[in-house]
Amino acid sequence: MPDDHHPLMPRRNPEDIDLAAIKADLEFLIERFERHRREQALKPLYTMIGSAAIVIAWIELFWRHCF
């Protein structure tokens, strides 16, 4: 039975692995993830400021029209 086990991926020779390419890919993915996380962190702030501006504009229009 143990001889029937076949790994999903064949083993590679350690000499064939390009560590510099792997490192460059990881650095690119980390930088892209951090940039995406920073952009997502500011979205609630933009929504809050935009909503406040709409409410203030509505109050100003209502105030000038009714009084």
N, C-alpha and C. Protein backbone atom coordinates (compact mmCIF):
# COMPACT_ATOMS: atom_id res chain seq x y z
N MET A 1 0.79 -1.21 0.00
CA MET A 1 0.00 0.00 0.00
C MET A 1 0.83 1.28 0.00
N PRO A 2 1.88 1.41 0.84
CA PRO A 2 2.63 2.67 0.84
C PRO A 2 3.27 2.97 -0.51
N ASP A 3 3.52 1.94 -1.32
CA ASP A 3 4.13 2.18 -2.63
C ASP A 3 3.16 2.78 -3.63
N ASP A 4 1.86 2.73 -3.35
CA ASP A 4 0.86 3.27 -4.26
C ASP A 4 0.69 4.79 -4.14
N HIS A 5 1.32 5.40 -3.15
CA HIS A 5 1.15 6.84 -2.93
C HIS A 5 1.94 7.62 -3.98
N HIS A 6 1.22 8.51 -4.70
CA HIS A 6 1.85 9.37 -5.69
C HIS A 6 1.63 10.82 -5.27
N PRO A 7 2.68 11.60 -5.11
CA PRO A 7 2.50 13.00 -4.73
C PRO A 7 1.81 13.78 -5.85
N LEU A 8 1.09 14.83 -5.48
CA LEU A 8 0.40 15.65 -6.47
C LEU A 8 1.39 16.37 -7.39
N MET A 9 2.45 16.89 -6.80
CA MET A 9 3.47 17.59 -7.59
C MET A 9 4.77 16.82 -7.50
N PRO A 10 5.44 16.62 -8.61
CA PRO A 10 6.73 15.91 -8.54
C PRO A 10 7.77 16.79 -7.84
N ARG A 11 8.71 16.14 -7.19
CA ARG A 11 9.77 16.89 -6.50
C ARG A 11 10.71 17.51 -7.54
N ARG A 12 11.21 18.71 -7.19
CA ARG A 12 12.15 19.39 -8.08
C ARG A 12 13.55 19.28 -7.52
N ASN A 13 14.49 19.40 -8.39
CA ASN A 13 15.88 19.45 -7.94
C ASN A 13 16.13 20.79 -7.28
N PRO A 14 16.80 20.82 -6.15
CA PRO A 14 17.08 22.11 -5.50
C PRO A 14 17.87 23.07 -6.40
N GLU A 15 18.64 22.53 -7.32
CA GLU A 15 19.43 23.38 -8.21
C GLU A 15 18.54 24.09 -9.24
N ASP A 16 17.36 23.53 -9.53
CA ASP A 16 16.47 24.10 -10.55
C ASP A 16 15.57 25.21 -10.00
N ILE A 17 15.52 25.37 -8.69
CA ILE A 17 14.64 26.36 -8.09
C ILE A 17 15.31 27.73 -8.14
N ASP A 18 14.62 28.72 -8.71
CA ASP A 18 15.14 30.07 -8.82
C ASP A 18 14.62 30.90 -7.64
N LEU A 19 15.41 30.98 -6.59
CA LEU A 19 14.99 31.68 -5.38
C LEU A 19 14.82 33.17 -5.61
N ALA A 20 15.61 33.75 -6.49
CA ALA A 20 15.49 35.18 -6.77
C ALA A 20 14.15 35.50 -7.41
N ALA A 21 13.69 34.65 -8.31
CA ALA A 21 12.39 34.87 -8.96
C ALA A 21 11.26 34.72 -7.95
N ILE A 22 11.37 33.74 -7.07
CA ILE A 22 10.35 33.55 -6.04
C ILE A 22 10.31 34.75 -5.12
N LYS A 23 11.48 35.25 -4.72
CA LYS A 23 11.54 36.42 -3.84
C LYS A 23 10.95 37.64 -4.52
N ALA A 24 11.25 37.84 -5.79
CA ALA A 24 10.70 38.98 -6.52
C ALA A 24 9.18 38.89 -6.62
N ASP A 25 8.67 37.69 -6.88
CA ASP A 25 7.22 37.50 -6.95
C ASP A 25 6.56 37.77 -5.60
N LEU A 26 7.16 37.29 -4.53
CA LEU A 26 6.60 37.53 -3.20
C LEU A 26 6.62 39.01 -2.83
N GLU A 27 7.72 39.70 -3.15
CA GLU A 27 7.79 41.14 -2.86
C GLU A 27 6.72 41.90 -3.64
N PHE A 28 6.50 41.52 -4.91
CA PHE A 28 5.46 42.16 -5.71
C PHE A 28 4.09 41.94 -5.10
N LEU A 29 3.79 40.71 -4.69
CA LEU A 29 2.48 40.40 -4.11
C LEU A 29 2.27 41.12 -2.78
N ILE A 30 3.31 41.19 -1.96
CA ILE A 30 3.20 41.88 -0.67
C ILE A 30 2.95 43.37 -0.89
N GLU A 31 3.68 43.98 -1.83
CA GLU A 31 3.50 45.41 -2.11
C GLU A 31 2.10 45.69 -2.65
N ARG A 32 1.62 44.83 -3.51
CA ARG A 32 0.28 45.02 -4.07
C ARG A 32 -0.80 44.84 -3.01
N PHE A 33 -0.63 43.88 -2.11
CA PHE A 33 -1.58 43.66 -1.03
C PHE A 33 -1.61 44.85 -0.07
N GLU A 34 -0.44 45.40 0.26
CA GLU A 34 -0.38 46.55 1.16
C GLU A 34 -1.04 47.77 0.53
N ARG A 35 -0.81 47.97 -0.76
CA ARG A 35 -1.43 49.12 -1.45
C ARG A 35 -2.95 48.95 -1.47
N HIS A 36 -3.43 47.75 -1.74
CA HIS A 36 -4.87 47.48 -1.76
C HIS A 36 -5.47 47.70 -0.37
N ARG A 37 -4.75 47.29 0.66
CA ARG A 37 -5.25 47.44 2.03
C ARG A 37 -5.33 48.91 2.40
N ARG A 38 -4.35 49.73 1.99
CA ARG A 38 -4.39 51.17 2.27
C ARG A 38 -5.57 51.82 1.56
N GLU A 39 -5.81 51.44 0.31
CA GLU A 39 -6.93 52.01 -0.43
C GLU A 39 -8.26 51.63 0.21
N GLN A 40 -8.38 50.40 0.66
CA GLN A 40 -9.62 49.95 1.29
C GLN A 40 -9.82 50.61 2.65
N ALA A 41 -8.74 50.97 3.33
CA ALA A 41 -8.87 51.60 4.64
C ALA A 41 -9.44 53.00 4.53
N LEU A 42 -9.23 53.69 3.43
CA LEU A 42 -9.71 55.06 3.28
C LEU A 42 -11.13 55.15 2.76
N LYS A 43 -11.68 54.10 2.22
CA LYS A 43 -13.04 54.15 1.66
C LYS A 43 -14.10 54.54 2.68
N PRO A 44 -14.10 54.00 3.90
CA PRO A 44 -15.11 54.46 4.87
C PRO A 44 -14.99 55.94 5.20
N LEU A 45 -13.77 56.45 5.24
CA LEU A 45 -13.56 57.87 5.50
C LEU A 45 -14.15 58.71 4.38
N TYR A 46 -13.90 58.32 3.14
CA TYR A 46 -14.47 59.05 1.99
C TYR A 46 -15.99 58.99 2.01
N THR A 47 -16.54 57.86 2.37
CA THR A 47 -18.00 57.72 2.44
C THR A 47 -18.57 58.63 3.52
N MET A 48 -17.92 58.67 4.67
CA MET A 48 -18.40 59.51 5.76
C MET A 48 -18.33 61.00 5.39
N ILE A 49 -17.25 61.43 4.78
CA ILE A 49 -17.10 62.83 4.39
C ILE A 49 -18.12 63.19 3.31
N GLY A 50 -18.30 62.31 2.34
CA GLY A 50 -19.28 62.55 1.27
C GLY A 50 -20.69 62.63 1.81
N SER A 51 -21.03 61.74 2.74
CA SER A 51 -22.37 61.77 3.32
C SER A 51 -22.58 63.04 4.13
N ALA A 52 -21.58 63.45 4.88
CA ALA A 52 -21.70 64.68 5.67
C ALA A 52 -21.88 65.88 4.75
N ALA A 53 -21.17 65.92 3.63
CA ALA A 53 -21.30 67.03 2.68
C ALA A 53 -22.71 67.08 2.09
N ILE A 54 -23.26 65.93 1.77
CA ILE A 54 -24.63 65.89 1.22
C ILE A 54 -25.63 66.38 2.26
N VAL A 55 -25.49 65.95 3.50
CA VAL A 55 -26.41 66.37 4.56
C VAL A 55 -26.30 67.87 4.80
N ILE A 56 -25.09 68.41 4.85
CA ILE A 56 -24.90 69.85 5.06
C ILE A 56 -25.50 70.63 3.91
N ALA A 57 -25.28 70.17 2.68
CA ALA A 57 -25.85 70.86 1.52
C ALA A 57 -27.38 70.82 1.57
N TRP A 58 -27.95 69.71 1.95
CA TRP A 58 -29.41 69.60 2.04
C TRP A 58 -29.96 70.54 3.11
N ILE A 59 -29.30 70.60 4.27
CA ILE A 59 -29.74 71.50 5.35
C ILE A 59 -29.64 72.95 4.90
N GLU A 60 -28.55 73.31 4.23
CA GLU A 60 -28.40 74.68 3.74
C GLU A 60 -29.50 75.04 2.74
N LEU A 61 -29.79 74.16 1.82
CA LEU A 61 -30.85 74.43 0.84
C LEU A 61 -32.22 74.54 1.52
N PHE A 62 -32.48 73.64 2.45
CA PHE A 62 -33.75 73.67 3.17
C PHE A 62 -33.86 74.95 3.99
N TRP A 63 -32.79 75.33 4.66
CA TRP A 63 -32.78 76.51 5.51
C TRP A 63 -33.03 77.78 4.68
N ARG A 64 -32.38 77.88 3.53
CA ARG A 64 -32.54 79.08 2.69
C ARG A 64 -33.90 79.12 2.02
N HIS A 65 -34.46 77.98 1.70
CA HIS A 65 -35.73 77.93 1.00
C HIS A 65 -36.91 78.20 1.94
N CYS A 66 -36.83 77.66 3.18
CA CYS A 66 -37.96 77.75 4.09
C CYS A 66 -37.93 78.97 5.01
N PHE A 67 -36.76 79.54 5.25
CA PHE A 67 -36.71 80.65 6.20
C PHE A 67 -36.18 81.89 5.59
